Amino acid sequence: MKNLCLAASLLLASSSVATAGMTSDLNAAIANMCEKLKACAFEQMGIDASSKQHPTATAINNSVNQACAVIKADFASEATSNAQKRQAIACVSSVTRKTCGELSQPNAKSPKACKGFQSFNRAN
């Protein structure tokens, strides 16, 4: 019985570590996507990304940071299991792989990997 309790405790602990790791991976994927979105916005506006003092650069950073905070919150509430987090990582990664031109299309379809995620529900 003692071994069974120990095994159950180890299983729960490893599950918590796996979930924390998956959450960390999702947060990293979202951060990468947000950096890509900022780079694309700077490119579209014709601003050198290194010119942080430019008023438009500040506005872009603030806007993208706000949008990314919403996306991160959406995924935190929607992707609660490891399987959902893997799907969310696939979604975010598929967005990150798009070109700036593809991301700037007003009626662009959401990537198939993003089906079911509120942040990416656009024209399907």
C-alpha atoms as a PDB file:
ATOM      1  CA  MET A   1       0.000   0.000   0.000  1.00  0.00           C
ATOM      2  CA  LYS A   2       2.853   2.342   0.881  1.00  0.00           C
ATOM      3  CA  ASN A   3       4.434   1.757  -2.545  1.00  0.00           C
ATOM      4  CA  LEU A   4       1.115   2.490  -4.236  1.00  0.00           C
ATOM      5  CA  CYS A   5       0.842   5.836  -2.421  1.00  0.00           C
ATOM      6  CA  LEU A   6       4.428   6.680  -3.347  1.00  0.00           C
ATOM      7  CA  ALA A   7       3.797   5.776  -6.993  1.00  0.00           C
ATOM      8  CA  ALA A   8       0.640   7.903  -7.058  1.00  0.00           C
ATOM      9  CA  SER A   9       2.507  10.831  -5.510  1.00  0.00           C
ATOM     10  CA  LEU A  10       5.298  10.552  -8.075  1.00  0.00           C
ATOM     11  CA  LEU A  11       2.778  10.342 -10.891  1.00  0.00           C
ATOM     12  CA  LEU A  12       0.997  13.485  -9.692  1.00  0.00           C
ATOM     13  CA  ALA A  13       4.293  15.328  -9.267  1.00  0.00           C
ATOM     14  CA  SER A  14       5.485  14.380 -12.750  1.00  0.00           C
ATOM     15  CA  SER A  15       2.138  15.445 -14.203  1.00  0.00           C
ATOM     16  CA  SER A  16       2.461  18.860 -12.537  1.00  0.00           C
ATOM     17  CA  VAL A  17       5.988  19.275 -13.906  1.00  0.00           C
ATOM     18  CA  ALA A  18       4.832  18.280 -17.400  1.00  0.00           C
ATOM     19  CA  THR A  19       1.952  20.760 -17.224  1.00  0.00           C
ATOM     20  CA  ALA A  20       4.274  23.536 -16.037  1.00  0.00           C
ATOM     21  CA  GLY A  21       6.692  22.715 -18.860  1.00  0.00           C
ATOM     22  CA  MET A  22       3.893  22.736 -21.417  1.00  0.00           C
ATOM     23  CA  THR A  23       2.671  26.101 -20.090  1.00  0.00           C
ATOM     24  CA  SER A  24       6.203  27.453 -20.346  1.00  0.00           C
ATOM     25  CA  ASP A  25       6.461  26.176 -23.933  1.00  0.00           C
ATOM     26  CA  LEU A  26       3.137  27.828 -24.792  1.00  0.00           C
ATOM     27  CA  ASN A  27       4.219  31.127 -23.241  1.00  0.00           C
ATOM     28  CA  ALA A  28       7.482  30.990 -25.213  1.00  0.00           C
ATOM     29  CA  ALA A  29       5.582  30.290 -28.447  1.00  0.00           C
ATOM     30  CA  ILE A  30       3.268  33.251 -27.768  1.00  0.00           C
ATOM     31  CA  ALA A  31       6.270  35.497 -27.048  1.00  0.00           C
ATOM     32  CA  ASN A  32       7.864  34.464 -30.361  1.00  0.00           C
ATOM     33  CA  MET A  33       4.635  35.172 -32.212  1.00  0.00           C
ATOM     34  CA  CYS A  34       4.335  38.575 -30.563  1.00  0.00           C
ATOM     35  CA  GLU A  35       7.870  39.504 -31.589  1.00  0.00           C
ATOM     36  CA  LYS A  36       7.011  38.469 -35.156  1.00  0.00           C
ATOM     37  CA  LEU A  37       3.870  40.630 -35.062  1.00  0.00           C
ATOM     38  CA  LYS A  38       5.899  43.609 -33.817  1.00  0.00           C
ATOM     39  CA  ALA A  39       8.515  43.105 -36.535  1.00  0.00           C
ATOM     40  CA  CYS A  40       5.795  42.946 -39.183  1.00  0.00           C
ATOM     41  CA  ALA A  41       4.111  46.081 -37.834  1.00  0.00           C
ATOM     42  CA  PHE A  42       7.429  47.960 -37.884  1.00  0.00           C
ATOM     43  CA  GLU A  43       8.063  46.736 -41.422  1.00  0.00           C
ATOM     44  CA  GLN A  44       4.593  47.751 -42.583  1.00  0.00           C
ATOM     45  CA  MET A  45       5.002  51.219 -41.068  1.00  0.00           C
ATOM     46  CA  GLY A  46       8.501  51.600 -42.508  1.00  0.00           C
ATOM     47  CA  ILE A  47      10.081  52.065 -39.080  1.00  0.00           C
ATOM     48  CA  ASP A  48      13.465  50.726 -38.069  1.00  0.00           C
ATOM     49  CA  ALA A  49      12.710  48.352 -35.199  1.00  0.00           C
ATOM     50  CA  SER A  50      15.773  49.569 -33.320  1.00  0.00           C
ATOM     51  CA  SER A  51      14.411  53.125 -33.125  1.00  0.00           C
ATOM     52  CA  LYS A  52      12.588  52.664 -29.821  1.00  0.00           C
ATOM     53  CA  GLN A  53      12.271  56.446 -29.338  1.00  0.00           C
ATOM     54  CA  HIS A  54      10.020  56.868 -32.375  1.00  0.00           C
ATOM     55  CA  PRO A  55       6.450  57.664 -31.169  1.00  0.00           C
ATOM     56  CA  THR A  56       4.956  55.194 -33.623  1.00  0.00           C
ATOM     57  CA  ALA A  57       7.316  52.492 -32.338  1.00  0.00           C
ATOM     58  CA  THR A  58       5.973  53.057 -28.843  1.00  0.00           C
ATOM     59  CA  ALA A  59       2.399  52.854 -30.096  1.00  0.00           C
ATOM     60  CA  ILE A  60       3.147  49.634 -32.006  1.00  0.00           C
ATOM     61  CA  ASN A  61       4.797  48.062 -28.974  1.00  0.00           C
ATOM     62  CA  ASN A  62       1.893  49.022 -26.729  1.00  0.00           C
ATOM     63  CA  SER A  63      -0.742  47.758 -29.186  1.00  0.00           C
ATOM     64  CA  VAL A  64       0.966  44.442 -29.822  1.00  0.00           C
ATOM     65  CA  ASN A  65       1.663  43.944 -26.114  1.00  0.00           C
ATOM     66  CA  GLN A  66      -2.039  44.498 -25.338  1.00  0.00           C
ATOM     67  CA  ALA A  67      -3.140  42.115 -28.084  1.00  0.00           C
ATOM     68  CA  CYS A  68      -0.665  39.501 -26.888  1.00  0.00           C
ATOM     69  CA  ALA A  69      -1.879  39.812 -23.309  1.00  0.00           C
ATOM     70  CA  VAL A  70      -5.408  39.047 -24.541  1.00  0.00           C
ATOM     71  CA  ILE A  71      -4.157  36.098 -26.597  1.00  0.00           C
ATOM     72  CA  LYS A  72      -2.183  34.730 -23.651  1.00  0.00           C
ATOM     73  CA  ALA A  73      -5.227  35.055 -21.378  1.00  0.00           C
ATOM     74  CA  ASP A  74      -7.447  33.340 -23.964  1.00  0.00           C
ATOM     75  CA  PHE A  75      -5.064  30.418 -24.245  1.00  0.00           C
ATOM     76  CA  ALA A  76      -4.686  30.187 -20.464  1.00  0.00           C
ATOM     77  CA  SER A  77      -8.453  29.805 -20.123  1.00  0.00           C
ATOM     78  CA  GLU A  78      -9.003  27.601 -23.183  1.00  0.00           C
ATOM     79  CA  ALA A  79      -5.945  25.339 -23.154  1.00  0.00           C
ATOM     80  CA  THR A  80      -6.039  23.640 -19.789  1.00  0.00           C
ATOM     81  CA  SER A  81      -4.918  20.103 -20.649  1.00  0.00           C
ATOM     82  CA  ASN A  82      -1.536  19.188 -22.097  1.00  0.00           C
ATOM     83  CA  ALA A  83      -3.228  18.059 -25.319  1.00  0.00           C
ATOM     84  CA  GLN A  84      -4.930  21.454 -25.654  1.00  0.00           C
ATOM     85  CA  LYS A  85      -1.645  23.214 -24.881  1.00  0.00           C
ATOM     86  CA  ARG A  86       0.107  21.219 -27.618  1.00  0.00           C
ATOM     87  CA  GLN A  87      -2.673  22.271 -30.017  1.00  0.00           C
ATOM     88  CA  ALA A  88      -2.306  25.893 -28.878  1.00  0.00           C
ATOM     89  CA  ILE A  89       1.467  25.743 -29.444  1.00  0.00           C
ATOM     90  CA  ALA A  90       0.841  24.372 -32.942  1.00  0.00           C
ATOM     91  CA  CYS A  91      -1.601  27.225 -33.569  1.00  0.00           C
ATOM     92  CA  VAL A  92       0.733  29.954 -32.378  1.00  0.00           C
ATOM     93  CA  SER A  93       3.693  28.419 -34.214  1.00  0.00           C
ATOM     94  CA  SER A  94       1.709  28.283 -37.458  1.00  0.00           C
ATOM     95  CA  VAL A  95       0.946  31.988 -37.116  1.00  0.00           C
ATOM     96  CA  THR A  96       4.615  32.750 -36.416  1.00  0.00           C
ATOM     97  CA  ARG A  97       5.668  30.902 -39.594  1.00  0.00           C
ATOM     98  CA  LYS A  98       3.497  33.130 -41.793  1.00  0.00           C
ATOM     99  CA  THR A  99       5.118  35.941 -43.727  1.00  0.00           C
ATOM    100  CA  CYS A 100       4.392  39.535 -42.828  1.00  0.00           C
ATOM    101  CA  GLY A 101       2.464  39.827 -46.087  1.00  0.00           C
ATOM    102  CA  GLU A 102       0.254  36.893 -45.136  1.00  0.00           C
ATOM    103  CA  LEU A 103      -0.315  38.307 -41.658  1.00  0.00           C
ATOM    104  CA  SER A 104      -1.357  41.692 -43.001  1.00  0.00           C
ATOM    105  CA  GLN A 105      -4.172  40.338 -45.193  1.00  0.00           C
ATOM    106  CA  PRO A 106      -7.436  41.776 -43.779  1.00  0.00           C
ATOM    107  CA  ASN A 107      -9.518  38.677 -44.553  1.00  0.00           C
ATOM    108  CA  ALA A 108      -6.823  36.068 -44.054  1.00  0.00           C
ATOM    109  CA  LYS A 109      -8.068  32.706 -42.883  1.00  0.00           C
ATOM    110  CA  SER A 110      -6.981  31.451 -39.507  1.00  0.00           C
ATOM    111  CA  PRO A 111      -4.544  28.553 -39.685  1.00  0.00           C
ATOM    112  CA  LYS A 112      -6.230  25.162 -39.412  1.00  0.00           C
ATOM    113  CA  ALA A 113      -4.199  24.493 -36.266  1.00  0.00           C
ATOM    114  CA  CYS A 114      -6.026  27.400 -34.607  1.00  0.00           C
ATOM    115  CA  LYS A 115      -9.534  25.992 -35.010  1.00  0.00           C
ATOM    116  CA  GLY A 116     -11.348  26.315 -31.722  1.00  0.00           C
ATOM    117  CA  PHE A 117      -9.245  29.100 -30.216  1.00  0.00           C
ATOM    118  CA  GLN A 118     -11.110  32.354 -29.616  1.00  0.00           C
ATOM    119  CA  SER A 119      -8.104  34.593 -30.315  1.00  0.00           C
ATOM    120  CA  PHE A 120      -7.821  33.254 -33.843  1.00  0.00           C
ATOM    121  CA  ASN A 121     -11.465  32.940 -34.845  1.00  0.00           C
ATOM    122  CA  ARG A 122     -11.611  35.018 -37.996  1.00  0.00           C
ATOM    123  CA  ALA A 123     -12.819  34.329 -41.495  1.00  0.00           C
ATOM    124  CA  ASN A 124     -12.695  30.561 -41.882  1.00  0.00           C
END
